């Protein structure tokens, strides 16, 4: 799509910039956006957050029980027979707590205003190490009383789940694992960040909706706001690459022209009985020497000063006597 065609990118952003620069549009739109965001911040319901961190610990006897000190095979806690036993026990408790039935019993029903999070601390930004047997509980509720109540129930449920698993496995009570609080239950605090996010989001939404409405009205009315705006600068097209011209071929060396051979005038053939004609035979032609004596001169002087002319006679024109 061309950048400068009607309805293109350039026209759209140019119109938006023109709308924002107009005091009659930009200021009211900004005021309405701020007002909507502020109203959302104060109208949005306040939610409260409370959390706590727990850790599993072994009993003082090391998880081993024996009535007879001389008994070679004392009884122990089955949860401690795993590699990294405490971490494994904490994972079992976390998985048993993360069911919708348990959340509903704690006071956080599905799609309700109260939410609960139970994990090994990975959702807590203050926890630097999650390799230990930690259990992190976080509750978000619409009131501080609800947050504290659900958090207390969750702590109690963690202890009950751990005890129930050890009873199911037949561990002696003296070998039971215990739960200790690393961080005691916090006092519910209002989540201001959520209200800020809602207020900013609503303000931006109102601003975008207002700009879109004004832009649509401007396009429909056919009244561009920047009539005198200079055209969008266009980058010059790069020159089309051309193939380099092939090098000129070297001129062949000049060959000297052969000298033109003299052409003898053509004369008619002479008869054999003319004694004054000397015939010279060549391969393909005959050269006839014609001697005309000058009157009033003796033979010797006439021989020196006679007028000799050469004539070319083709071989086909000769007679049989000439060939002899």
C-alpha atoms as a PDB file:
ATOM      1  CA  UNK A   1       0.000   0.000   0.000  1.00  0.00           C
ATOM      2  CA  UNK A   2       1.372   3.374  -0.989  1.00  0.00           C
ATOM      3  CA  UNK A   3       2.264   5.640   1.911  1.00  0.00           C
ATOM      4  CA  UNK A   4       0.916   8.801   0.378  1.00  0.00           C
ATOM      5  CA  UNK A   5      -2.274   7.542  -1.213  1.00  0.00           C
ATOM      6  CA  UNK A   6      -5.653   8.624   0.242  1.00  0.00           C
ATOM      7  CA  UNK A   7      -6.432   6.664   3.363  1.00  0.00           C
ATOM      8  CA  UNK A   8      -2.838   5.471   3.759  1.00  0.00           C
ATOM      9  CA  UNK A   9      -0.613   5.432   6.805  1.00  0.00           C
ATOM     10  CA  UNK A  10       0.698   8.935   6.279  1.00  0.00           C
ATOM     11  CA  UNK A  11      -2.732  10.485   6.018  1.00  0.00           C
ATOM     12  CA  UNK A  12      -3.944   8.596   9.097  1.00  0.00           C
ATOM     13  CA  UNK A  13      -1.100   9.673  11.379  1.00  0.00           C
ATOM     14  CA  UNK A  14      -1.097  13.180   9.938  1.00  0.00           C
ATOM     15  CA  UNK A  15      -4.771  13.510  10.761  1.00  0.00           C
ATOM     16  CA  UNK A  16      -4.238  12.124  14.273  1.00  0.00           C
ATOM     17  CA  UNK A  17      -1.428  14.628  14.866  1.00  0.00           C
ATOM     18  CA  UNK A  18      -3.663  17.411  13.626  1.00  0.00           C
ATOM     19  CA  UNK A  19      -6.422  16.337  16.010  1.00  0.00           C
ATOM     20  CA  UNK A  20      -4.067  16.367  18.974  1.00  0.00           C
ATOM     21  CA  UNK A  21      -2.700  19.819  18.065  1.00  0.00           C
ATOM     22  CA  UNK A  22      -6.127  21.397  17.881  1.00  0.00           C
ATOM     23  CA  UNK A  23      -6.993  22.969  21.227  1.00  0.00           C
ATOM     24  CA  UNK A  24     -10.691  22.449  20.649  1.00  0.00           C
ATOM     25  CA  UNK A  25     -10.177  18.681  20.406  1.00  0.00           C
ATOM     26  CA  UNK A  26      -6.964  17.779  22.220  1.00  0.00           C
ATOM     27  CA  UNK A  27      -7.699  19.496  25.550  1.00  0.00           C
ATOM     28  CA  UNK A  28     -11.276  18.211  25.979  1.00  0.00           C
ATOM     29  CA  UNK A  29     -10.181  14.705  25.025  1.00  0.00           C
ATOM     30  CA  UNK A  30      -7.316  14.810  27.528  1.00  0.00           C
ATOM     31  CA  UNK A  31      -9.612  16.100  30.254  1.00  0.00           C
ATOM     32  CA  UNK A  32     -12.199  13.392  29.632  1.00  0.00           C
ATOM     33  CA  UNK A  33      -9.499  10.673  29.678  1.00  0.00           C
ATOM     34  CA  UNK A  34      -8.052  11.894  32.979  1.00  0.00           C
ATOM     35  CA  UNK A  35     -11.509  12.173  34.488  1.00  0.00           C
ATOM     36  CA  UNK A  36     -12.425   8.639  33.417  1.00  0.00           C
ATOM     37  CA  UNK A  37      -9.174   7.203  34.796  1.00  0.00           C
ATOM     38  CA  UNK A  38      -9.556   9.026  38.112  1.00  0.00           C
ATOM     39  CA  UNK A  39     -13.156   7.906  38.498  1.00  0.00           C
ATOM     40  CA  UNK A  40     -12.153   4.316  37.810  1.00  0.00           C
ATOM     41  CA  UNK A  41      -9.373   4.494  40.404  1.00  0.00           C
ATOM     42  CA  UNK A  42     -11.792   5.557  43.149  1.00  0.00           C
ATOM     43  CA  UNK A  43     -14.730   3.433  42.033  1.00  0.00           C
ATOM     44  CA  UNK A  44     -12.782   0.178  41.556  1.00  0.00           C
ATOM     45  CA  UNK A  45     -13.246  -2.172  44.518  1.00  0.00           C
ATOM     46  CA  UNK A  46     -10.294  -2.444  46.843  1.00  0.00           C
ATOM     47  CA  UNK A  47      -8.822  -5.894  47.270  1.00  0.00           C
ATOM     48  CA  UNK A  48      -6.726  -7.030  50.197  1.00  0.00           C
ATOM     49  CA  UNK A  49      -3.799  -9.399  50.223  1.00  0.00           C
ATOM     50  CA  UNK A  50      -2.365 -11.559  53.008  1.00  0.00           C
ATOM     51  CA  UNK A  51       0.268 -14.296  52.879  1.00  0.00           C
ATOM     52  CA  UNK A  52       2.465 -16.553  54.960  1.00  0.00           C
ATOM     53  CA  UNK A  53       5.381 -18.957  54.454  1.00  0.00           C
ATOM     54  CA  UNK A  54       5.706 -22.382  56.088  1.00  0.00           C
ATOM     55  CA  UNK A  55       8.458 -24.988  56.217  1.00  0.00           C
ATOM     56  CA  UNK A  56       8.489 -28.684  57.087  1.00  0.00           C
ATOM     57  CA  UNK A  57      10.810 -29.985  59.810  1.00  0.00           C
ATOM     58  CA  UNK A  58      11.802 -33.425  61.114  1.00  0.00           C
ATOM     59  CA  UNK A  59      11.188 -34.430  64.734  1.00  0.00           C
ATOM     60  CA  UNK A  60      13.951 -34.386  67.308  1.00  0.00           C
ATOM     61  CA  UNK A  61      14.316 -38.188  67.195  1.00  0.00           C
ATOM     62  CA  UNK A  62      15.118 -38.080  63.482  1.00  0.00           C
ATOM     63  CA  UNK A  63      11.899 -39.770  62.474  1.00  0.00           C
ATOM     64  CA  UNK A  64      12.865 -43.139  64.001  1.00  0.00           C
ATOM     65  CA  UNK A  65      10.953 -44.862  66.824  1.00  0.00           C
ATOM     66  CA  UNK A  66      11.862 -47.985  68.752  1.00  0.00           C
ATOM     67  CA  UNK A  67      10.454 -49.341  72.031  1.00  0.00           C
ATOM     68  CA  UNK A  68      13.325 -51.708  72.500  1.00  0.00           C
ATOM     69  CA  UNK A  69      16.752 -50.091  72.174  1.00  0.00           C
ATOM     70  CA  UNK A  70      18.160 -53.527  71.317  1.00  0.00           C
ATOM     71  CA  UNK A  71      15.782 -54.017  68.414  1.00  0.00           C
ATOM     72  CA  UNK A  72      17.814 -54.000  65.192  1.00  0.00           C
ATOM     73  CA  UNK A  73      15.032 -52.688  62.923  1.00  0.00           C
ATOM     74  CA  UNK A  74      13.266 -49.726  64.503  1.00  0.00           C
ATOM     75  CA  UNK A  75      10.130 -48.223  62.955  1.00  0.00           C
ATOM     76  CA  UNK A  76      10.421 -44.973  61.017  1.00  0.00           C
ATOM     77  CA  UNK A  77       8.368 -42.387  59.157  1.00  0.00           C
ATOM     78  CA  UNK A  78       7.718 -43.558  55.555  1.00  0.00           C
ATOM     79  CA  UNK A  79       7.808 -39.952  54.303  1.00  0.00           C
ATOM     80  CA  UNK A  80      11.449 -39.788  55.350  1.00  0.00           C
ATOM     81  CA  UNK A  81      12.438 -42.769  53.213  1.00  0.00           C
ATOM     82  CA  UNK A  82      12.507 -40.719  50.007  1.00  0.00           C
ATOM     83  CA  UNK A  83      15.500 -38.899  48.677  1.00  0.00           C
ATOM     84  CA  UNK A  84      15.120 -35.270  49.718  1.00  0.00           C
ATOM     85  CA  UNK A  85      12.330 -36.434  51.996  1.00  0.00           C
ATOM     86  CA  UNK A  86      11.174 -33.058  53.327  1.00  0.00           C
ATOM     87  CA  UNK A  87      10.925 -31.576  49.826  1.00  0.00           C
ATOM     88  CA  UNK A  88       8.919 -34.604  48.710  1.00  0.00           C
ATOM     89  CA  UNK A  89       6.560 -34.313  51.668  1.00  0.00           C
ATOM     90  CA  UNK A  90       6.021 -30.605  50.992  1.00  0.00           C
ATOM     91  CA  UNK A  91       5.219 -31.350  47.330  1.00  0.00           C
ATOM     92  CA  UNK A  92       2.653 -33.961  48.377  1.00  0.00           C
ATOM     93  CA  UNK A  93       0.900 -31.495  50.669  1.00  0.00           C
ATOM     94  CA  UNK A  94       0.914 -28.731  48.027  1.00  0.00           C
ATOM     95  CA  UNK A  95      -0.642 -31.002  45.408  1.00  0.00           C
ATOM     96  CA  UNK A  96      -3.354 -32.161  47.802  1.00  0.00           C
ATOM     97  CA  UNK A  97      -4.200 -28.533  48.644  1.00  0.00           C
ATOM     98  CA  UNK A  98      -4.483 -27.307  45.045  1.00  0.00           C
ATOM     99  CA  UNK A  99      -7.931 -28.667  44.252  1.00  0.00           C
ATOM    100  CA  UNK A 100     -11.119 -26.711  43.745  1.00  0.00           C
ATOM    101  CA  UNK A 101     -12.896 -28.677  46.487  1.00  0.00           C
ATOM    102  CA  UNK A 102     -10.284 -27.662  49.049  1.00  0.00           C
ATOM    103  CA  UNK A 103     -10.393 -24.023  47.926  1.00  0.00           C
ATOM    104  CA  UNK A 104     -14.168 -23.976  48.260  1.00  0.00           C
ATOM    105  CA  UNK A 105     -13.942 -25.421  51.769  1.00  0.00           C
ATOM    106  CA  UNK A 106     -11.437 -22.721  52.692  1.00  0.00           C
ATOM    107  CA  UNK A 107     -13.742 -19.926  51.457  1.00  0.00           C
ATOM    108  CA  UNK A 108     -12.479 -19.330  47.889  1.00  0.00           C
ATOM    109  CA  UNK A 109     -15.173 -20.729  45.578  1.00  0.00           C
ATOM    110  CA  UNK A 110     -14.780 -20.902  41.826  1.00  0.00           C
ATOM    111  CA  UNK A 111     -15.311 -17.562  40.055  1.00  0.00           C
ATOM    112  CA  UNK A 112     -15.664 -15.886  43.446  1.00  0.00           C
ATOM    113  CA  UNK A 113     -14.106 -12.637  44.693  1.00  0.00           C
ATOM    114  CA  UNK A 114     -11.570 -14.503  46.820  1.00  0.00           C
ATOM    115  CA  UNK A 115      -8.548 -16.273  45.323  1.00  0.00           C
ATOM    116  CA  UNK A 116      -5.935 -18.443  46.993  1.00  0.00           C
ATOM    117  CA  UNK A 117      -2.456 -19.486  45.851  1.00  0.00           C
ATOM    118  CA  UNK A 118      -0.484 -22.374  47.376  1.00  0.00           C
ATOM    119  CA  UNK A 119       2.960 -23.296  46.024  1.00  0.00           C
ATOM    120  CA  UNK A 120       6.602 -23.720  47.028  1.00  0.00           C
ATOM    121  CA  UNK A 121       7.303 -19.974  47.014  1.00  0.00           C
ATOM    122  CA  UNK A 122       7.904 -19.430  43.300  1.00  0.00           C
ATOM    123  CA  UNK A 123       5.056 -16.890  43.143  1.00  0.00           C
ATOM    124  CA  UNK A 124       6.568 -14.854  46.000  1.00  0.00           C
ATOM    125  CA  UNK A 125       9.097 -12.295  44.695  1.00  0.00           C
ATOM    126  CA  UNK A 126      10.682 -12.071  48.151  1.00  0.00           C
ATOM    127  CA  UNK A 127      11.741 -15.726  48.143  1.00  0.00           C
ATOM    128  CA  UNK A 128      15.243 -16.242  46.763  1.00  0.00           C
ATOM    129  CA  UNK A 129      15.437 -20.041  47.010  1.00  0.00           C
ATOM    130  CA  UNK A 130      12.659 -22.515  46.310  1.00  0.00           C
ATOM    131  CA  UNK A 131      14.724 -25.692  46.640  1.00  0.00           C
ATOM    132  CA  UNK A 132      13.713 -26.211  50.285  1.00  0.00           C
ATOM    133  CA  UNK A 133      10.562 -27.776  51.776  1.00  0.00           C
ATOM    134  CA  UNK A 134       8.620 -24.506  51.706  1.00  0.00           C
ATOM    135  CA  UNK A 135       4.866 -23.954  51.473  1.00  0.00           C
ATOM    136  CA  UNK A 136       3.715 -20.465  50.510  1.00  0.00           C
ATOM    137  CA  UNK A 137       0.076 -19.386  50.938  1.00  0.00           C
ATOM    138  CA  UNK A 138      -1.353 -16.179  49.483  1.00  0.00           C
ATOM    139  CA  UNK A 139      -4.955 -14.982  49.755  1.00  0.00           C
ATOM    140  CA  UNK A 140      -6.595 -12.078  47.890  1.00  0.00           C
ATOM    141  CA  UNK A 141     -10.049 -11.106  49.158  1.00  0.00           C
ATOM    142  CA  UNK A 142     -12.444  -8.136  48.908  1.00  0.00           C
ATOM    143  CA  UNK A 143     -12.120  -7.392  52.634  1.00  0.00           C
ATOM    144  CA  UNK A 144      -9.351  -7.706  55.224  1.00  0.00           C
ATOM    145  CA  UNK A 145     -11.481  -9.934  57.447  1.00  0.00           C
ATOM    146  CA  UNK A 146     -12.069 -12.424  54.652  1.00  0.00           C
ATOM    147  CA  UNK A 147      -8.381 -12.486  53.753  1.00  0.00           C
ATOM    148  CA  UNK A 148      -7.333 -13.214  57.351  1.00  0.00           C
ATOM    149  CA  UNK A 149     -10.004 -15.876  57.799  1.00  0.00           C
ATOM    150  CA  UNK A 150      -9.134 -17.763  54.617  1.00  0.00           C
ATOM    151  CA  UNK A 151      -5.411 -17.586  55.377  1.00  0.00           C
ATOM    152  CA  UNK A 152      -5.911 -19.023  58.867  1.00  0.00           C
ATOM    153  CA  UNK A 153      -8.015 -21.857  57.493  1.00  0.00           C
ATOM    154  CA  UNK A 154      -5.396 -22.617  54.877  1.00  0.00           C
ATOM    155  CA  UNK A 155      -2.623 -22.908  57.477  1.00  0.00           C
ATOM    156  CA  UNK A 156      -4.728 -25.246  59.555  1.00  0.00           C
ATOM    157  CA  UNK A 157      -5.572 -27.317  56.491  1.00  0.00           C
ATOM    158  CA  UNK A 158      -1.879 -27.720  55.609  1.00  0.00           C
ATOM    159  CA  UNK A 159      -1.172 -29.191  59.048  1.00  0.00           C
ATOM    160  CA  UNK A 160      -4.196 -31.474  58.785  1.00  0.00           C
ATOM    161  CA  UNK A 161      -3.145 -32.707  55.350  1.00  0.00           C
ATOM    162  CA  UNK A 162       0.387 -33.479  56.526  1.00  0.00           C
ATOM    163  CA  UNK A 163      -0.886 -35.339  59.584  1.00  0.00           C
ATOM    164  CA  UNK A 164      -3.445 -37.268  57.542  1.00  0.00           C
ATOM    165  CA  UNK A 165      -0.805 -38.490  55.083  1.00  0.00           C
ATOM    166  CA  UNK A 166       1.456 -39.679  57.897  1.00  0.00           C
ATOM    167  CA  UNK A 167      -1.426 -41.499  59.574  1.00  0.00           C
ATOM    168  CA  UNK A 168      -2.372 -43.128  56.284  1.00  0.00           C
ATOM    169  CA  UNK A 169       1.206 -44.369  55.809  1.00  0.00           C
ATOM    170  CA  UNK A 170       1.328 -45.742  59.377  1.00  0.00           C
ATOM    171  CA  UNK A 171       4.085 -43.533  60.717  1.00  0.00           C
ATOM    172  CA  UNK A 172       4.521 -43.554  64.516  1.00  0.00           C
ATOM    173  CA  UNK A 173       3.204 -40.300  66.047  1.00  0.00           C
ATOM    174  CA  UNK A 174       6.595 -39.565  67.560  1.00  0.00           C
ATOM    175  CA  UNK A 175       8.106 -39.468  64.035  1.00  0.00           C
ATOM    176  CA  UNK A 176       5.612 -37.049  62.559  1.00  0.00           C
ATOM    177  CA  UNK A 177       6.922 -34.160  60.537  1.00  0.00           C
ATOM    178  CA  UNK A 178       5.977 -30.731  61.814  1.00  0.00           C
ATOM    179  CA  UNK A 179       5.101 -27.420  60.176  1.00  0.00           C
ATOM    180  CA  UNK A 180       6.763 -24.198  61.299  1.00  0.00           C
ATOM    181  CA  UNK A 181       6.067 -20.619  60.281  1.00  0.00           C
ATOM    182  CA  UNK A 182       8.974 -18.923  58.529  1.00  0.00           C
ATOM    183  CA  UNK A 183       6.971 -15.743  58.014  1.00  0.00           C
ATOM    184  CA  UNK A 184       3.920 -15.319  60.281  1.00  0.00           C
ATOM    185  CA  UNK A 185       0.593 -14.422  58.656  1.00  0.00           C
ATOM    186  CA  UNK A 186       0.795 -10.861  57.403  1.00  0.00           C
ATOM    187  CA  UNK A 187      -1.771  -8.197  58.073  1.00  0.00           C
ATOM    188  CA  UNK A 188      -4.078  -7.751  55.061  1.00  0.00           C
ATOM    189  CA  UNK A 189      -2.990  -4.813  52.914  1.00  0.00           C
ATOM    190  CA  UNK A 190      -4.912  -2.974  50.221  1.00  0.00           C
ATOM    191  CA  UNK A 191      -3.685  -3.656  46.689  1.00  0.00           C
ATOM    192  CA  UNK A 192      -3.281  -0.125  45.320  1.00  0.00           C
ATOM    193  CA  UNK A 193      -1.369  -1.305  42.257  1.00  0.00           C
ATOM    194  CA  UNK A 194      -4.472  -3.012  40.885  1.00  0.00           C
ATOM    195  CA  UNK A 195      -6.496   0.186  41.142  1.00  0.00           C
ATOM    196  CA  UNK A 196      -3.734   2.138  39.394  1.00  0.00           C
ATOM    197  CA  UNK A 197      -3.681  -0.372  36.566  1.00  0.00           C
ATOM    198  CA  UNK A 198      -7.448  -0.154  36.140  1.00  0.00           C
ATOM    199  CA  UNK A 199      -7.422   3.660  36.175  1.00  0.00           C
ATOM    200  CA  UNK A 200      -4.611   3.955  33.610  1.00  0.00           C
ATOM    201  CA  UNK A 201      -6.186   1.328  31.383  1.00  0.00           C
ATOM    202  CA  UNK A 202      -9.575   3.033  31.351  1.00  0.00           C
ATOM    203  CA  UNK A 203      -7.987   6.446  30.670  1.00  0.00           C
ATOM    204  CA  UNK A 204      -6.055   5.120  27.665  1.00  0.00           C
ATOM    205  CA  UNK A 205      -9.132   3.327  26.390  1.00  0.00           C
ATOM    206  CA  UNK A 206     -11.222   6.502  26.545  1.00  0.00           C
ATOM    207  CA  UNK A 207      -8.479   8.503  24.784  1.00  0.00           C
ATOM    208  CA  UNK A 208      -8.182   5.979  21.955  1.00  0.00           C
ATOM    209  CA  UNK A 209     -11.951   5.736  21.569  1.00  0.00           C
ATOM    210  CA  UNK A 210     -12.279   9.537  21.426  1.00  0.00           C
ATOM    211  CA  UNK A 211      -9.541   9.869  18.818  1.00  0.00           C
ATOM    212  CA  UNK A 212     -11.121   7.154  16.731  1.00  0.00           C
ATOM    213  CA  UNK A 213     -14.528   8.826  16.871  1.00  0.00           C
ATOM    214  CA  UNK A 214     -13.188  12.260  15.891  1.00  0.00           C
ATOM    215  CA  UNK A 215     -11.088  10.752  13.096  1.00  0.00           C
ATOM    216  CA  UNK A 216     -14.131   8.937  11.716  1.00  0.00           C
ATOM    217  CA  UNK A 217     -16.166  12.146  11.762  1.00  0.00           C
ATOM    218  CA  UNK A 218     -13.344  14.043  10.054  1.00  0.00           C
ATOM    219  CA  UNK A 219     -13.034  11.439   7.307  1.00  0.00           C
ATOM    220  CA  UNK A 220     -16.773  11.311   6.765  1.00  0.00           C
ATOM    221  CA  UNK A 221     -17.076  15.098   6.521  1.00  0.00           C
ATOM    222  CA  UNK A 222     -14.187  15.293   4.072  1.00  0.00           C
ATOM    223  CA  UNK A 223     -12.548  18.137   6.000  1.00  0.00           C
ATOM    224  CA  UNK A 224      -8.858  17.356   6.409  1.00  0.00           C
ATOM    225  CA  UNK A 225      -7.325  19.259   9.303  1.00  0.00           C
ATOM    226  CA  UNK A 226      -3.972  19.898   7.696  1.00  0.00           C
ATOM    227  CA  UNK A 227      -4.756  21.418   4.331  1.00  0.00           C
ATOM    228  CA  UNK A 228      -1.528  23.362   4.100  1.00  0.00           C
ATOM    229  CA  UNK A 229       0.714  20.635   5.453  1.00  0.00           C
ATOM    230  CA  UNK A 230       3.744  19.960   3.256  1.00  0.00           C
ATOM    231  CA  UNK A 231       3.750  16.656   1.438  1.00  0.00           C
ATOM    232  CA  UNK A 232       5.379  13.739   3.094  1.00  0.00           C
ATOM    233  CA  UNK A 233       9.066  13.621   2.138  1.00  0.00           C
ATOM    234  CA  UNK A 234       9.834  10.699  -0.026  1.00  0.00           C
ATOM    235  CA  UNK A 235      13.223   9.164  -0.173  1.00  0.00           C
ATOM    236  CA  UNK A 236      14.729   9.252  -3.667  1.00  0.00           C
ATOM    237  CA  UNK A 237      14.738   5.929  -5.349  1.00  0.00           C
ATOM    238  CA  UNK A 238      18.197   4.410  -5.508  1.00  0.00           C
ATOM    239  CA  UNK A 239      19.706   4.372  -8.999  1.00  0.00           C
ATOM    240  CA  UNK A 240      19.156   1.197 -10.889  1.00  0.00           C
ATOM    241  CA  UNK A 241      22.437  -0.690 -10.965  1.00  0.00           C
ATOM    242  CA  UNK A 242      23.811  -1.085 -14.437  1.00  0.00           C
ATOM    243  CA  UNK A 243      26.188  -3.697 -15.617  1.00  0.00           C
ATOM    244  CA  UNK A 244      29.617  -2.298 -16.432  1.00  0.00           C
ATOM    245  CA  UNK A 245      30.266  -1.880 -20.128  1.00  0.00           C
ATOM    246  CA  UNK A 246      32.487  -4.613 -21.554  1.00  0.00           C
ATOM    247  CA  UNK A 247      35.988  -3.465 -22.444  1.00  0.00           C
ATOM    248  CA  UNK A 248      36.442  -2.432 -26.041  1.00  0.00           C
ATOM    249  CA  UNK A 249      37.975  -5.133 -28.148  1.00  0.00           C
ATOM    250  CA  UNK A 250      41.475  -4.377 -29.336  1.00  0.00           C
ATOM    251  CA  UNK A 251      41.583  -3.326 -32.971  1.00  0.00           C
ATOM    252  CA  UNK A 252      43.333  -5.864 -35.188  1.00  0.00           C
ATOM    253  CA  UNK A 253      46.715  -4.747 -36.485  1.00  0.00           C
ATOM    254  CA  UNK A 254      46.523  -2.856 -39.719  1.00  0.00           C
ATOM    255  CA  UNK A 255      47.463  -4.928 -42.712  1.00  0.00           C
ATOM    256  CA  UNK A 256      49.244  -2.926 -45.404  1.00  0.00           C
ATOM    257  CA  UNK A 257      47.275  -2.891 -48.589  1.00  0.00           C
ATOM    258  CA  UNK A 258      48.855  -4.681 -51.461  1.00  0.00           C
ATOM    259  CA  UNK A 259      49.884  -2.363 -54.312  1.00  0.00           C
ATOM    260  CA  UNK A 260      47.474  -2.396 -57.139  1.00  0.00           C
ATOM    261  CA  UNK A 261      48.781  -4.257 -60.143  1.00  0.00           C
ATOM    262  CA  UNK A 262      48.958  -2.172 -63.309  1.00  0.00           C
ATOM    263  CA  UNK A 263      46.303  -3.049 -65.771  1.00  0.00           C
ATOM    264  CA  UNK A 264      47.402  -3.150 -69.336  1.00  0.00           C
ATOM    265  CA  UNK A 265      45.031  -1.836 -71.947  1.00  0.00           C
ATOM    266  CA  UNK A 266      43.141  -4.391 -73.874  1.00  0.00           C
ATOM    267  CA  UNK A 267      43.979  -4.519 -77.541  1.00  0.00           C
ATOM    268  CA  UNK A 268      42.579  -6.745 -80.160  1.00  0.00           C
ATOM    269  CA  UNK A 269      44.412  -9.870 -81.067  1.00  0.00           C
ATOM    270  CA  UNK A 270      46.963  -9.686 -83.883  1.00  0.00           C
ATOM    271  CA  UNK A 271      47.385 -12.046 -86.745  1.00  0.00           C
ATOM    272  CA  UNK A 272      50.370 -14.335 -86.886  1.00  0.00           C
ATOM    273  CA  UNK A 273      51.497 -13.009 -90.263  1.00  0.00           C
ATOM    274  CA  UNK A 274      52.361  -9.664 -88.713  1.00  0.00           C
ATOM    275  CA  UNK A 275      56.123  -9.867 -88.242  1.00  0.00           C
ATOM    276  CA  UNK A 276      56.243  -6.837 -86.027  1.00  0.00           C
ATOM    277  CA  UNK A 277      54.380  -8.533 -83.153  1.00  0.00           C
ATOM    278  CA  UNK A 278      56.365 -10.361 -80.505  1.00  0.00           C
ATOM    279  CA  UNK A 279      54.190 -12.738 -78.499  1.00  0.00           C
ATOM    280  CA  UNK A 280      55.127 -13.642 -74.905  1.00  0.00           C
ATOM    281  CA  UNK A 281      53.312 -16.689 -73.568  1.00  0.00           C
ATOM    282  CA  UNK A 282      52.358 -16.877 -69.827  1.00  0.00           C
ATOM    283  CA  UNK A 283      50.351 -19.449 -67.995  1.00  0.00           C
ATOM    284  CA  UNK A 284      46.964 -17.811 -68.257  1.00  0.00           C
ATOM    285  CA  UNK A 285      47.400 -14.882 -70.584  1.00  0.00           C
ATOM    286  CA  UNK A 286      49.561 -13.498 -73.397  1.00  0.00           C
ATOM    287  CA  UNK A 287      51.475 -10.265 -73.463  1.00  0.00           C
ATOM    288  CA  UNK A 288      51.743  -8.898 -76.993  1.00  0.00           C
ATOM    289  CA  UNK A 289      54.497  -6.466 -77.797  1.00  0.00           C
ATOM    290  CA  UNK A 290      53.536  -4.301 -80.734  1.00  0.00           C
ATOM    291  CA  UNK A 291      56.339  -2.569 -82.636  1.00  0.00           C
ATOM    292  CA  UNK A 292      55.568   0.162 -85.092  1.00  0.00           C
ATOM    293  CA  UNK A 293      58.581   1.444 -87.033  1.00  0.00           C
ATOM    294  CA  UNK A 294      58.876   5.137 -87.570  1.00  0.00           C
ATOM    295  CA  UNK A 295      59.110   6.247 -91.129  1.00  0.00           C
ATOM    296  CA  UNK A 296      62.359   7.869 -92.309  1.00  0.00           C
ATOM    297  CA  UNK A 297      64.624   5.993 -89.862  1.00  0.00           C
ATOM    298  CA  UNK A 298      66.957   3.129 -90.446  1.00  0.00           C
ATOM    299  CA  UNK A 299      66.419  -0.256 -88.862  1.00  0.00           C
ATOM    300  CA  UNK A 300      68.890   0.186 -85.954  1.00  0.00           C
ATOM    301  CA  UNK A 301      67.611   3.588 -84.995  1.00  0.00           C
ATOM    302  CA  UNK A 302      64.030   2.437 -85.434  1.00  0.00           C
ATOM    303  CA  UNK A 303      64.704  -0.480 -83.110  1.00  0.00           C
ATOM    304  CA  UNK A 304      65.889   1.879 -80.405  1.00  0.00           C
ATOM    305  CA  UNK A 305      63.216   4.465 -80.755  1.00  0.00           C
ATOM    306  CA  UNK A 306      60.348   2.376 -81.917  1.00  0.00           C
ATOM    307  CA  UNK A 307      57.006   2.745 -80.250  1.00  0.00           C
ATOM    308  CA  UNK A 308      56.247  -0.337 -78.233  1.00  0.00           C
ATOM    309  CA  UNK A 309      52.899  -1.022 -76.707  1.00  0.00           C
ATOM    310  CA  UNK A 310      51.803  -3.920 -74.553  1.00  0.00           C
ATOM    311  CA  UNK A 311      48.517  -5.623 -74.998  1.00  0.00           C
ATOM    312  CA  UNK A 312      46.921  -8.473 -73.072  1.00  0.00           C
ATOM    313  CA  UNK A 313      45.397 -11.260 -75.061  1.00  0.00           C
ATOM    314  CA  UNK A 314      43.644 -14.165 -73.409  1.00  0.00           C
ATOM    315  CA  UNK A 315      44.787 -17.636 -74.228  1.00  0.00           C
ATOM    316  CA  UNK A 316      41.459 -18.609 -75.678  1.00  0.00           C
ATOM    317  CA  UNK A 317      41.850 -15.947 -78.380  1.00  0.00           C
ATOM    318  CA  UNK A 318      45.105 -17.393 -79.757  1.00  0.00           C
ATOM    319  CA  UNK A 319      45.277 -19.544 -82.793  1.00  0.00           C
ATOM    320  CA  UNK A 320      46.846 -22.933 -83.051  1.00  0.00           C
ATOM    321  CA  UNK A 321      49.878 -21.442 -84.803  1.00  0.00           C
ATOM    322  CA  UNK A 322      50.542 -19.119 -81.865  1.00  0.00           C
ATOM    323  CA  UNK A 323      50.702 -22.066 -79.533  1.00  0.00           C
ATOM    324  CA  UNK A 324      53.648 -23.393 -81.543  1.00  0.00           C
END
